[in-house]
Amino acid sequence: MDEAARIDGLRDQYRNMRSELGKVIVGQEKVIEEMMIALFAGGHVLLEGVPGLAKTLLISSLAQVMDLSFNRIQFTPDLMPSDITGSEILEEDHGTRRREFRFIRGPIFANMVLADEINRTPPKTQAALLQAMQERQVTAGGMTHDLDHPFFVLATQNPIEQEGTYPLPEAQLDRFMFNVLIDYPTYNDEIAIVESTTGSVTADLKKVLGGADVIANQELVRKVPVAENVTHFAVKLVRATRVGSGEESDAAREFLAWGAGPRAAQFLIRGAKTLALLDGRPTPDLEDIRRLALPVLRHRLVSNFHAEAENISKDRIVAMILDQVAP
């Protein structure tokens, strides 16, 4: 199959997935688009929104339209690392009476993992995801176990209820390709939500693509060529967030205590490649970098006291930096 046919196939799968998700998810087109971009770019997503905005429903519906193994982990304060990664148990062979340890795989061993309310569990348990998200491996009992491919973590957290929560450390946040914010639906969307969820009709979601398709699409994304000016703009944008580097923008100097690392530029390029293919374009442009700047950067920036005192949001800071950085 030639490249053009593979790109058309990717776009068809994307449209079919959006069509299936539209049976149960009303609105949230931008959220769905960003989740699809992360999936085909091989990244993880942190979804943030108040309760009742269908974060869990969106992720579970995505799992239904994909022929992939799916596990849901409900994070709680008493959850232990072994509850996620798995543990070794001592087994006895009834015939030989010989005893040996056997590794029992935890729920992290799935193609798609929903980490629900990830900020509800202590840092020790949150850290159990670090190696899995970055290396696609789990180490337990001195042995390293490879995770299934593809591997995709979708985590949710509630931004308003902070009692009894443990904010994710910067190293953990940096593992997520996107931080996607889910806002309240529009008036018409909310009418449609109420009408569709209070009746007797239930949606029947069909499988659209499997693991082999996802891996093939991720390989296709990596082969997309990127113009030199697009790469330079992505790197320049990320470097403009680093206070004290001599390359920071005025907005970063005024409102940030810490900027983004190199992984941000990598995700900007990978996301821009994917976005271009989903739009039917052979290569990304500068506008793709701009479109993805918010989900890539908002969770990688640390505001200073001035920004917090003035109630300047991360999104507003990113917008100001975008205005100040010339392509």
C-alpha atoms as a PDB file:
ATOM      1  CA  MET A   1       0.000   0.000   0.000  1.00  0.00           C
ATOM      2  CA  ASP A   2       1.411   3.413  -0.991  1.00  0.00           C
ATOM      3  CA  GLU A   3       1.661   6.399   1.372  1.00  0.00           C
ATOM      4  CA  ALA A   4      -1.356   8.200  -0.099  1.00  0.00           C
ATOM      5  CA  ALA A   5      -3.578   5.167   0.448  1.00  0.00           C
ATOM      6  CA  ARG A   6      -2.308   4.779   4.019  1.00  0.00           C
ATOM      7  CA  ILE A   7      -3.053   8.439   4.737  1.00  0.00           C
ATOM      8  CA  ASP A   8      -6.558   8.031   3.316  1.00  0.00           C
ATOM      9  CA  GLY A   9      -7.002   4.931   5.475  1.00  0.00           C
ATOM     10  CA  LEU A  10      -5.950   6.847   8.573  1.00  0.00           C
ATOM     11  CA  ARG A  11      -8.412   9.645   7.814  1.00  0.00           C
ATOM     12  CA  ASP A  12     -11.225   7.146   7.221  1.00  0.00           C
ATOM     13  CA  GLN A  13     -10.526   5.434  10.544  1.00  0.00           C
ATOM     14  CA  TYR A  14     -10.449   8.815  12.275  1.00  0.00           C
ATOM     15  CA  ARG A  15     -13.794   9.866  10.764  1.00  0.00           C
ATOM     16  CA  ASN A  16     -15.370   6.507  11.644  1.00  0.00           C
ATOM     17  CA  MET A  17     -14.149   6.743  15.239  1.00  0.00           C
ATOM     18  CA  ARG A  18     -15.547  10.255  15.609  1.00  0.00           C
ATOM     19  CA  SER A  19     -18.837   9.096  14.137  1.00  0.00           C
ATOM     20  CA  GLU A  20     -19.098   6.212  16.600  1.00  0.00           C
ATOM     21  CA  LEU A  21     -18.126   8.393  19.578  1.00  0.00           C
ATOM     22  CA  GLY A  22     -20.749  10.911  18.485  1.00  0.00           C
ATOM     23  CA  LYS A  23     -23.420   8.338  19.323  1.00  0.00           C
ATOM     24  CA  VAL A  24     -22.728   8.746  23.045  1.00  0.00           C
ATOM     25  CA  ILE A  25     -20.655  11.941  23.366  1.00  0.00           C
ATOM     26  CA  VAL A  26     -22.408  15.207  22.563  1.00  0.00           C
ATOM     27  CA  GLY A  27     -20.142  18.081  21.547  1.00  0.00           C
ATOM     28  CA  GLN A  28     -16.544  18.066  22.857  1.00  0.00           C
ATOM     29  CA  GLU A  29     -15.196  17.920  19.279  1.00  0.00           C
ATOM     30  CA  LYS A  30     -11.911  19.562  20.228  1.00  0.00           C
ATOM     31  CA  VAL A  31     -11.400  17.160  23.157  1.00  0.00           C
ATOM     32  CA  ILE A  32     -12.006  14.141  20.926  1.00  0.00           C
ATOM     33  CA  GLU A  33      -9.658  15.517  18.262  1.00  0.00           C
ATOM     34  CA  GLU A  34      -6.843  16.011  20.798  1.00  0.00           C
ATOM     35  CA  MET A  35      -7.336  12.492  22.179  1.00  0.00           C
ATOM     36  CA  MET A  36      -7.149  11.039  18.668  1.00  0.00           C
ATOM     37  CA  ILE A  37      -4.006  13.042  17.905  1.00  0.00           C
ATOM     38  CA  ALA A  38      -2.317  11.710  21.052  1.00  0.00           C
ATOM     39  CA  LEU A  39      -3.376   8.149  20.241  1.00  0.00           C
ATOM     40  CA  PHE A  40      -1.894   8.192  16.731  1.00  0.00           C
ATOM     41  CA  ALA A  41       1.179  10.114  17.918  1.00  0.00           C
ATOM     42  CA  GLY A  42       1.872   7.508  20.618  1.00  0.00           C
ATOM     43  CA  GLY A  43       1.357   9.827  23.608  1.00  0.00           C
ATOM     44  CA  HIS A  44      -0.613   9.806  26.855  1.00  0.00           C
ATOM     45  CA  VAL A  45      -3.374  12.217  27.860  1.00  0.00           C
ATOM     46  CA  LEU A  46      -4.361  13.871  31.137  1.00  0.00           C
ATOM     47  CA  LEU A  47      -8.005  14.988  31.051  1.00  0.00           C
ATOM     48  CA  GLU A  48      -9.048  17.639  33.521  1.00  0.00           C
ATOM     49  CA  GLY A  49     -12.580  18.778  34.271  1.00  0.00           C
ATOM     50  CA  VAL A  50     -15.200  19.108  36.967  1.00  0.00           C
ATOM     51  CA  PRO A  51     -17.394  16.085  37.812  1.00  0.00           C
ATOM     52  CA  GLY A  52     -20.179  15.144  35.429  1.00  0.00           C
ATOM     53  CA  LEU A  53     -18.526  16.182  32.151  1.00  0.00           C
ATOM     54  CA  ALA A  54     -18.300  12.592  30.841  1.00  0.00           C
ATOM     55  CA  LYS A  55     -14.512  12.214  31.169  1.00  0.00           C
ATOM     56  CA  THR A  56     -14.784   8.536  32.115  1.00  0.00           C
ATOM     57  CA  LEU A  57     -17.580   7.910  29.601  1.00  0.00           C
ATOM     58  CA  LEU A  58     -15.472   9.414  26.820  1.00  0.00           C
ATOM     59  CA  ILE A  59     -12.509   7.175  27.596  1.00  0.00           C
ATOM     60  CA  SER A  60     -14.558   4.001  28.034  1.00  0.00           C
ATOM     61  CA  SER A  61     -16.399   4.764  24.763  1.00  0.00           C
ATOM     62  CA  LEU A  62     -13.069   5.211  23.004  1.00  0.00           C
ATOM     63  CA  ALA A  63     -12.050   1.782  24.282  1.00  0.00           C
ATOM     64  CA  GLN A  64     -15.270   0.286  22.907  1.00  0.00           C
ATOM     65  CA  VAL A  65     -14.665   1.510  19.350  1.00  0.00           C
ATOM     66  CA  MET A  66     -11.147   0.063  19.383  1.00  0.00           C
ATOM     67  CA  ASP A  67     -10.361  -3.644  19.397  1.00  0.00           C
ATOM     68  CA  LEU A  68      -7.846  -3.239  22.235  1.00  0.00           C
ATOM     69  CA  SER A  69      -7.583  -4.583  25.764  1.00  0.00           C
ATOM     70  CA  PHE A  70      -8.824  -2.033  28.294  1.00  0.00           C
ATOM     71  CA  ASN A  71      -8.468  -1.730  32.078  1.00  0.00           C
ATOM     72  CA  ARG A  72      -9.806   0.904  34.450  1.00  0.00           C
ATOM     73  CA  ILE A  73      -7.927   1.754  37.649  1.00  0.00           C
ATOM     74  CA  GLN A  74      -9.801   3.777  40.259  1.00  0.00           C
ATOM     75  CA  PHE A  75      -7.119   5.648  42.183  1.00  0.00           C
ATOM     76  CA  THR A  76      -7.740   5.910  45.926  1.00  0.00           C
ATOM     77  CA  PRO A  77      -5.562   6.959  48.901  1.00  0.00           C
ATOM     78  CA  ASP A  78      -5.001   3.327  49.939  1.00  0.00           C
ATOM     79  CA  LEU A  79      -3.965   2.065  46.485  1.00  0.00           C
ATOM     80  CA  MET A  80      -0.519   0.429  46.488  1.00  0.00           C
ATOM     81  CA  PRO A  81       1.997   0.298  43.593  1.00  0.00           C
ATOM     82  CA  SER A  82       1.592  -3.483  43.336  1.00  0.00           C
ATOM     83  CA  ASP A  83      -2.163  -2.948  42.816  1.00  0.00           C
ATOM     84  CA  ILE A  84      -1.207  -1.307  39.516  1.00  0.00           C
ATOM     85  CA  THR A  85       1.886  -3.133  38.296  1.00  0.00           C
ATOM     86  CA  GLY A  86       1.185  -6.575  39.737  1.00  0.00           C
ATOM     87  CA  SER A  87       2.993  -8.692  42.301  1.00  0.00           C
ATOM     88  CA  GLU A  88       4.790 -11.988  42.777  1.00  0.00           C
ATOM     89  CA  ILE A  89       3.110 -14.822  44.649  1.00  0.00           C
ATOM     90  CA  LEU A  90       4.632 -18.036  46.006  1.00  0.00           C
ATOM     91  CA  GLU A  91       3.113 -21.057  44.301  1.00  0.00           C
ATOM     92  CA  GLU A  92       3.565 -24.730  45.095  1.00  0.00           C
ATOM     93  CA  ASP A  93       3.496 -27.472  42.478  1.00  0.00           C
ATOM     94  CA  HIS A  94       1.187 -30.114  43.953  1.00  0.00           C
ATOM     95  CA  GLY A  95       2.977 -32.884  42.074  1.00  0.00           C
ATOM     96  CA  THR A  96       6.606 -32.082  42.915  1.00  0.00           C
ATOM     97  CA  ARG A  97       5.922 -29.987  46.034  1.00  0.00           C
ATOM     98  CA  ARG A  98       8.333 -27.485  44.563  1.00  0.00           C
ATOM     99  CA  ARG A  99       7.720 -23.830  45.376  1.00  0.00           C
ATOM    100  CA  GLU A 100       8.469 -20.920  43.083  1.00  0.00           C
ATOM    101  CA  PHE A 101       7.452 -17.307  42.595  1.00  0.00           C
ATOM    102  CA  ARG A 102       5.058 -16.399  39.804  1.00  0.00           C
ATOM    103  CA  PHE A 103       4.327 -12.848  38.637  1.00  0.00           C
ATOM    104  CA  ILE A 104       0.647 -11.901  38.548  1.00  0.00           C
ATOM    105  CA  ARG A 105       0.149  -9.072  36.067  1.00  0.00           C
ATOM    106  CA  GLY A 106      -1.662  -5.970  37.297  1.00  0.00           C
ATOM    107  CA  PRO A 107      -4.191  -3.823  35.438  1.00  0.00           C
ATOM    108  CA  ILE A 108      -1.385  -1.756  33.850  1.00  0.00           C
ATOM    109  CA  PHE A 109      -0.946  -4.671  31.411  1.00  0.00           C
ATOM    110  CA  ALA A 110      -3.484  -3.505  28.823  1.00  0.00           C
ATOM    111  CA  ASN A 111      -3.405  -1.542  25.584  1.00  0.00           C
ATOM    112  CA  MET A 112      -5.537   1.224  27.070  1.00  0.00           C
ATOM    113  CA  VAL A 113      -5.478   2.125  30.752  1.00  0.00           C
ATOM    114  CA  LEU A 114      -7.901   4.559  32.361  1.00  0.00           C
ATOM    115  CA  ALA A 115      -6.263   6.052  35.459  1.00  0.00           C
ATOM    116  CA  ASP A 116      -9.374   7.547  37.030  1.00  0.00           C
ATOM    117  CA  GLU A 117      -8.825  10.421  39.485  1.00  0.00           C
ATOM    118  CA  ILE A 118      -5.073   9.955  39.391  1.00  0.00           C
ATOM    119  CA  ASN A 119      -4.504  12.745  41.932  1.00  0.00           C
ATOM    120  CA  ARG A 120      -6.389  10.773  44.607  1.00  0.00           C
ATOM    121  CA  THR A 121      -3.485   8.419  45.292  1.00  0.00           C
ATOM    122  CA  PRO A 122      -0.166   9.162  47.087  1.00  0.00           C
ATOM    123  CA  PRO A 123       3.040   9.929  45.142  1.00  0.00           C
ATOM    124  CA  LYS A 124       4.455   6.437  45.832  1.00  0.00           C
ATOM    125  CA  THR A 125       1.624   4.873  43.838  1.00  0.00           C
ATOM    126  CA  GLN A 126       1.605   7.613  41.197  1.00  0.00           C
ATOM    127  CA  ALA A 127       5.291   6.878  40.607  1.00  0.00           C
ATOM    128  CA  ALA A 128       4.419   3.299  39.663  1.00  0.00           C
ATOM    129  CA  LEU A 129       3.149   4.704  36.374  1.00  0.00           C
ATOM    130  CA  LEU A 130       6.370   6.562  35.520  1.00  0.00           C
ATOM    131  CA  GLN A 131       8.350   3.655  34.103  1.00  0.00           C
ATOM    132  CA  ALA A 132       5.285   2.217  32.395  1.00  0.00           C
ATOM    133  CA  MET A 133       4.422   5.471  30.625  1.00  0.00           C
ATOM    134  CA  GLN A 134       7.952   6.254  29.466  1.00  0.00           C
ATOM    135  CA  GLU A 135       9.645   2.890  28.937  1.00  0.00           C
ATOM    136  CA  ARG A 136       6.563   0.700  28.287  1.00  0.00           C
ATOM    137  CA  GLN A 137       7.971  -1.672  30.923  1.00  0.00           C
ATOM    138  CA  VAL A 138       7.284  -2.658  34.529  1.00  0.00           C
ATOM    139  CA  THR A 139       9.905  -3.842  37.008  1.00  0.00           C
ATOM    140  CA  ALA A 140       8.741  -6.063  39.852  1.00  0.00           C
ATOM    141  CA  GLY A 141      10.709  -8.470  42.035  1.00  0.00           C
ATOM    142  CA  GLY A 142      13.907  -7.628  40.161  1.00  0.00           C
ATOM    143  CA  MET A 143      12.409  -8.682  36.817  1.00  0.00           C
ATOM    144  CA  THR A 144      11.432  -6.380  33.954  1.00  0.00           C
ATOM    145  CA  HIS A 145       8.216  -7.123  32.104  1.00  0.00           C
ATOM    146  CA  ASP A 146       7.315  -5.555  28.746  1.00  0.00           C
ATOM    147  CA  LEU A 147       3.885  -4.012  28.364  1.00  0.00           C
ATOM    148  CA  ASP A 148       1.569  -4.717  25.464  1.00  0.00           C
ATOM    149  CA  HIS A 149       1.791  -2.536  22.353  1.00  0.00           C
ATOM    150  CA  PRO A 150       0.219  -0.149  21.676  1.00  0.00           C
ATOM    151  CA  PHE A 151       0.098   1.306  25.188  1.00  0.00           C
ATOM    152  CA  PHE A 152      -2.003   4.362  25.963  1.00  0.00           C
ATOM    153  CA  VAL A 153      -2.672   5.925  29.393  1.00  0.00           C
ATOM    154  CA  LEU A 154      -5.673   8.208  29.782  1.00  0.00           C
ATOM    155  CA  ALA A 155      -5.780   9.819  33.215  1.00  0.00           C
ATOM    156  CA  THR A 156      -8.472  12.039  34.720  1.00  0.00           C
ATOM    157  CA  GLN A 157      -8.435  14.473  37.580  1.00  0.00           C
ATOM    158  CA  ASN A 158     -10.828  16.927  39.201  1.00  0.00           C
ATOM    159  CA  PRO A 159      -9.344  20.455  39.337  1.00  0.00           C
ATOM    160  CA  ILE A 160     -11.700  21.944  41.930  1.00  0.00           C
ATOM    161  CA  GLU A 161     -11.834  19.402  44.748  1.00  0.00           C
ATOM    162  CA  GLN A 162      -8.361  19.467  46.320  1.00  0.00           C
ATOM    163  CA  GLU A 163      -9.089  18.028  49.780  1.00  0.00           C
ATOM    164  CA  GLY A 164      -7.467  14.627  50.122  1.00  0.00           C
ATOM    165  CA  THR A 165      -5.632  14.867  46.787  1.00  0.00           C
ATOM    166  CA  TYR A 166      -1.971  14.619  45.822  1.00  0.00           C
ATOM    167  CA  PRO A 167      -1.012  16.932  42.925  1.00  0.00           C
ATOM    168  CA  LEU A 168       1.030  15.176  40.271  1.00  0.00           C
ATOM    169  CA  PRO A 169       4.745  16.070  40.401  1.00  0.00           C
ATOM    170  CA  GLU A 170       6.324  17.816  37.431  1.00  0.00           C
ATOM    171  CA  ALA A 171       8.194  14.675  36.349  1.00  0.00           C
ATOM    172  CA  GLN A 172       4.902  12.791  36.162  1.00  0.00           C
ATOM    173  CA  LEU A 173       3.088  15.583  34.308  1.00  0.00           C
ATOM    174  CA  ASP A 174       5.874  15.737  31.722  1.00  0.00           C
ATOM    175  CA  ARG A 175       5.093  12.142  30.688  1.00  0.00           C
ATOM    176  CA  PHE A 176       1.700  13.221  29.378  1.00  0.00           C
ATOM    177  CA  MET A 177       1.706  14.470  25.808  1.00  0.00           C
ATOM    178  CA  PHE A 178      -1.446  16.562  26.302  1.00  0.00           C
ATOM    179  CA  ASN A 179      -3.275  18.142  29.202  1.00  0.00           C
ATOM    180  CA  VAL A 180      -6.829  18.372  27.847  1.00  0.00           C
ATOM    181  CA  LEU A 181      -9.334  20.617  29.610  1.00  0.00           C
ATOM    182  CA  ILE A 182     -13.015  19.637  29.386  1.00  0.00           C
ATOM    183  CA  ASP A 183     -15.380  22.575  29.773  1.00  0.00           C
ATOM    184  CA  TYR A 184     -19.129  22.743  30.378  1.00  0.00           C
ATOM    185  CA  PRO A 185     -21.277  21.957  27.318  1.00  0.00           C
ATOM    186  CA  THR A 186     -23.131  24.654  25.408  1.00  0.00           C
ATOM    187  CA  TYR A 187     -26.856  25.157  26.020  1.00  0.00           C
ATOM    188  CA  ASN A 188     -27.915  23.176  22.934  1.00  0.00           C
ATOM    189  CA  ASP A 189     -25.407  20.412  23.683  1.00  0.00           C
ATOM    190  CA  GLU A 190     -26.699  20.120  27.235  1.00  0.00           C
ATOM    191  CA  ILE A 191     -30.276  19.813  25.943  1.00  0.00           C
ATOM    192  CA  ALA A 192     -29.107  16.977  23.646  1.00  0.00           C
ATOM    193  CA  ILE A 193     -27.255  15.309  26.542  1.00  0.00           C
ATOM    194  CA  VAL A 194     -30.320  15.341  28.787  1.00  0.00           C
ATOM    195  CA  GLU A 195     -32.589  14.040  26.026  1.00  0.00           C
ATOM    196  CA  SER A 196     -30.219  11.240  24.995  1.00  0.00           C
ATOM    197  CA  THR A 197     -29.423  10.014  28.519  1.00  0.00           C
ATOM    198  CA  THR A 198     -32.925  10.026  30.030  1.00  0.00           C
ATOM    199  CA  GLY A 199     -34.618   7.851  27.421  1.00  0.00           C
ATOM    200  CA  SER A 200     -34.666   4.132  26.754  1.00  0.00           C
ATOM    201  CA  VAL A 201     -32.458   4.077  23.637  1.00  0.00           C
ATOM    202  CA  THR A 202     -28.870   2.908  24.135  1.00  0.00           C
ATOM    203  CA  ALA A 203     -26.115   3.370  21.576  1.00  0.00           C
ATOM    204  CA  ASP A 204     -24.434   0.356  19.979  1.00  0.00           C
ATOM    205  CA  LEU A 205     -20.771   1.198  19.359  1.00  0.00           C
ATOM    206  CA  LYS A 206     -18.927  -0.686  16.629  1.00  0.00           C
ATOM    207  CA  LYS A 207     -15.237  -1.579  16.554  1.00  0.00           C
ATOM    208  CA  VAL A 208     -13.350   0.619  14.121  1.00  0.00           C
ATOM    209  CA  LEU A 209      -9.668  -0.338  14.405  1.00  0.00           C
ATOM    210  CA  GLY A 210      -7.377  -2.702  16.288  1.00  0.00           C
ATOM    211  CA  GLY A 211      -3.898  -2.735  17.737  1.00  0.00           C
ATOM    212  CA  ALA A 212      -2.148  -3.457  14.437  1.00  0.00           C
ATOM    213  CA  ASP A 213      -3.913  -0.463  12.857  1.00  0.00           C
ATOM    214  CA  VAL A 214      -2.835   1.839  15.685  1.00  0.00           C
ATOM    215  CA  ILE A 215       0.800   0.708  15.431  1.00  0.00           C
ATOM    216  CA  ALA A 216       0.762   1.136  11.631  1.00  0.00           C
ATOM    217  CA  ASN A 217      -0.685   4.643  11.989  1.00  0.00           C
ATOM    218  CA  GLN A 218       1.932   5.590  14.576  1.00  0.00           C
ATOM    219  CA  GLU A 219       4.669   4.433  12.199  1.00  0.00           C
ATOM    220  CA  LEU A 220       3.055   6.460   9.402  1.00  0.00           C
ATOM    221  CA  VAL A 221       3.095   9.586  11.590  1.00  0.00           C
ATOM    222  CA  ARG A 222       6.819   9.194  12.284  1.00  0.00           C
ATOM    223  CA  LYS A 223       7.557   9.147   8.529  1.00  0.00           C
ATOM    224  CA  VAL A 224       5.872  12.510   7.890  1.00  0.00           C
ATOM    225  CA  PRO A 225       8.482  15.093   6.793  1.00  0.00           C
ATOM    226  CA  VAL A 226       8.655  18.390   8.680  1.00  0.00           C
ATOM    227  CA  ALA A 227       9.909  21.650   7.200  1.00  0.00           C
ATOM    228  CA  GLU A 228      12.904  23.205   8.934  1.00  0.00           C
ATOM    229  CA  ASN A 229      11.041  26.410   9.801  1.00  0.00           C
ATOM    230  CA  VAL A 230       8.309  24.405  11.580  1.00  0.00           C
ATOM    231  CA  THR A 231      10.848  22.545  13.723  1.00  0.00           C
ATOM    232  CA  HIS A 232      12.649  25.800  14.526  1.00  0.00           C
ATOM    233  CA  PHE A 233       9.390  27.463  15.546  1.00  0.00           C
ATOM    234  CA  ALA A 234       8.485  24.586  17.891  1.00  0.00           C
ATOM    235  CA  VAL A 235      11.899  24.681  19.580  1.00  0.00           C
ATOM    236  CA  LYS A 236      11.894  28.476  19.707  1.00  0.00           C
ATOM    237  CA  LEU A 237       8.454  28.470  21.336  1.00  0.00           C
ATOM    238  CA  VAL A 238       9.516  25.999  24.025  1.00  0.00           C
ATOM    239  CA  ARG A 239      12.759  27.847  24.744  1.00  0.00           C
ATOM    240  CA  ALA A 240      10.769  31.077  25.118  1.00  0.00           C
ATOM    241  CA  THR A 241       9.174  29.608  28.272  1.00  0.00           C
ATOM    242  CA  ARG A 242      12.495  29.083  30.107  1.00  0.00           C
ATOM    243  CA  VAL A 243      13.082  31.877  32.582  1.00  0.00           C
ATOM    244  CA  GLY A 244      16.736  32.862  33.000  1.00  0.00           C
ATOM    245  CA  SER A 245      17.864  31.267  29.748  1.00  0.00           C
ATOM    246  CA  GLY A 246      18.303  34.570  27.943  1.00  0.00           C
ATOM    247  CA  GLU A 247      15.815  33.394  25.303  1.00  0.00           C
ATOM    248  CA  GLU A 248      12.636  33.729  27.366  1.00  0.00           C
ATOM    249  CA  SER A 249       9.767  35.918  26.215  1.00  0.00           C
ATOM    250  CA  ASP A 250       8.567  38.928  28.175  1.00  0.00           C
ATOM    251  CA  ALA A 251       5.480  37.009  29.319  1.00  0.00           C
ATOM    252  CA  ALA A 252       7.596  34.128  30.628  1.00  0.00           C
ATOM    253  CA  ARG A 253       9.928  36.523  32.453  1.00  0.00           C
ATOM    254  CA  GLU A 254       6.957  38.205  34.127  1.00  0.00           C
ATOM    255  CA  PHE A 255       4.692  35.260  34.958  1.00  0.00           C
ATOM    256  CA  LEU A 256       6.688  32.000  35.013  1.00  0.00           C
ATOM    257  CA  ALA A 257       9.006  30.421  37.559  1.00  0.00           C
ATOM    258  CA  TRP A 258       9.852  27.426  35.384  1.00  0.00           C
ATOM    259  CA  GLY A 259       9.473  26.543  31.716  1.00  0.00           C
ATOM    260  CA  ALA A 260       9.056  23.456  29.548  1.00  0.00           C
ATOM    261  CA  GLY A 261      11.731  20.869  28.754  1.00  0.00           C
ATOM    262  CA  PRO A 262      12.761  19.323  25.413  1.00  0.00           C
ATOM    263  CA  ARG A 263       9.952  16.759  25.558  1.00  0.00           C
ATOM    264  CA  ALA A 264       7.502  19.611  24.872  1.00  0.00           C
ATOM    265  CA  ALA A 265       9.104  20.346  21.488  1.00  0.00           C
ATOM    266  CA  GLN A 266       9.104  16.643  20.633  1.00  0.00           C
ATOM    267  CA  PHE A 267       5.391  16.376  21.372  1.00  0.00           C
ATOM    268  CA  LEU A 268       4.642  19.559  19.440  1.00  0.00           C
ATOM    269  CA  ILE A 269       6.243  18.082  16.319  1.00  0.00           C
ATOM    270  CA  ARG A 270       4.677  14.636  16.732  1.00  0.00           C
ATOM    271  CA  GLY A 271       1.281  16.188  17.328  1.00  0.00           C
ATOM    272  CA  ALA A 272       1.649  18.554  14.367  1.00  0.00           C
ATOM    273  CA  LYS A 273       2.527  15.621  12.093  1.00  0.00           C
ATOM    274  CA  THR A 274      -0.593  13.761  13.217  1.00  0.00           C
ATOM    275  CA  LEU A 275      -2.819  16.800  12.873  1.00  0.00           C
ATOM    276  CA  ALA A 276      -1.582  17.361   9.328  1.00  0.00           C
ATOM    277  CA  LEU A 277      -2.402  13.776   8.321  1.00  0.00           C
ATOM    278  CA  LEU A 278      -5.862  13.950   9.894  1.00  0.00           C
ATOM    279  CA  ASP A 279      -6.480  17.127   7.870  1.00  0.00           C
ATOM    280  CA  GLY A 280      -5.266  15.424   4.686  1.00  0.00           C
ATOM    281  CA  ARG A 281      -2.027  17.395   4.402  1.00  0.00           C
ATOM    282  CA  PRO A 282       1.344  15.734   3.684  1.00  0.00           C
ATOM    283  CA  THR A 283       3.336  17.894   6.102  1.00  0.00           C
ATOM    284  CA  PRO A 284       2.573  20.169   9.110  1.00  0.00           C
ATOM    285  CA  ASP A 285       2.780  23.945   9.066  1.00  0.00           C
ATOM    286  CA  LEU A 286       3.270  26.694  11.651  1.00  0.00           C
ATOM    287  CA  GLU A 287      -0.451  26.855  12.418  1.00  0.00           C
ATOM    288  CA  ASP A 288      -0.391  23.230  13.586  1.00  0.00           C
ATOM    289  CA  ILE A 289       2.216  24.164  16.199  1.00  0.00           C
ATOM    290  CA  ARG A 290       0.035  27.060  17.331  1.00  0.00           C
ATOM    291  CA  ARG A 291      -3.072  24.856  17.559  1.00  0.00           C
ATOM    292  CA  LEU A 292      -1.305  22.362  19.822  1.00  0.00           C
ATOM    293  CA  ALA A 293       0.637  24.812  22.001  1.00  0.00           C
ATOM    294  CA  LEU A 294      -1.988  24.907  24.768  1.00  0.00           C
ATOM    295  CA  PRO A 295      -2.464  21.155  25.389  1.00  0.00           C
ATOM    296  CA  VAL A 296       1.294  20.541  25.135  1.00  0.00           C
ATOM    297  CA  LEU A 297       2.527  23.434  27.278  1.00  0.00           C
ATOM    298  CA  ARG A 298      -0.126  24.224  29.908  1.00  0.00           C
ATOM    299  CA  HIS A 299       0.898  21.405  32.294  1.00  0.00           C
ATOM    300  CA  ARG A 300       4.638  21.932  31.794  1.00  0.00           C
ATOM    301  CA  LEU A 301       4.771  25.514  33.011  1.00  0.00           C
ATOM    302  CA  VAL A 302       5.119  26.630  36.643  1.00  0.00           C
ATOM    303  CA  SER A 303       3.553  30.012  37.416  1.00  0.00           C
ATOM    304  CA  ASN A 304       5.279  32.450  39.748  1.00  0.00           C
ATOM    305  CA  PHE A 305       3.707  34.364  42.615  1.00  0.00           C
ATOM    306  CA  HIS A 306       2.919  37.341  40.401  1.00  0.00           C
ATOM    307  CA  ALA A 307       0.797  35.220  38.034  1.00  0.00           C
ATOM    308  CA  GLU A 308      -1.051  33.582  40.915  1.00  0.00           C
ATOM    309  CA  ALA A 309      -1.687  36.908  42.653  1.00  0.00           C
ATOM    310  CA  GLU A 310      -3.032  38.410  39.425  1.00  0.00           C
ATOM    311  CA  ASN A 311      -4.995  35.211  38.634  1.00  0.00           C
ATOM    312  CA  ILE A 312      -3.231  34.827  35.277  1.00  0.00           C
ATOM    313  CA  SER A 313      -3.984  31.350  33.914  1.00  0.00           C
ATOM    314  CA  LYS A 314      -1.457  29.104  32.179  1.00  0.00           C
ATOM    315  CA  ASP A 315      -3.538  29.289  29.004  1.00  0.00           C
ATOM    316  CA  ARG A 316      -3.324  33.066  28.995  1.00  0.00           C
ATOM    317  CA  ILE A 317       0.439  32.928  29.537  1.00  0.00           C
ATOM    318  CA  VAL A 318       0.855  30.505  26.615  1.00  0.00           C
ATOM    319  CA  ALA A 319      -1.269  32.795  24.424  1.00  0.00           C
ATOM    320  CA  MET A 320       0.950  35.766  25.318  1.00  0.00           C
ATOM    321  CA  ILE A 321       4.104  33.787  24.569  1.00  0.00           C
ATOM    322  CA  LEU A 322       2.678  32.749  21.193  1.00  0.00           C
ATOM    323  CA  ASP A 323       2.081  36.410  20.361  1.00  0.00           C
ATOM    324  CA  GLN A 324       5.643  37.303  21.324  1.00  0.00           C
ATOM    325  CA  VAL A 325       7.491  34.495  19.519  1.00  0.00           C
ATOM    326  CA  ALA A 326       8.036  35.146  15.841  1.00  0.00           C
ATOM    327  CA  PRO A 327       8.177  32.176  13.428  1.00  0.00           C
END
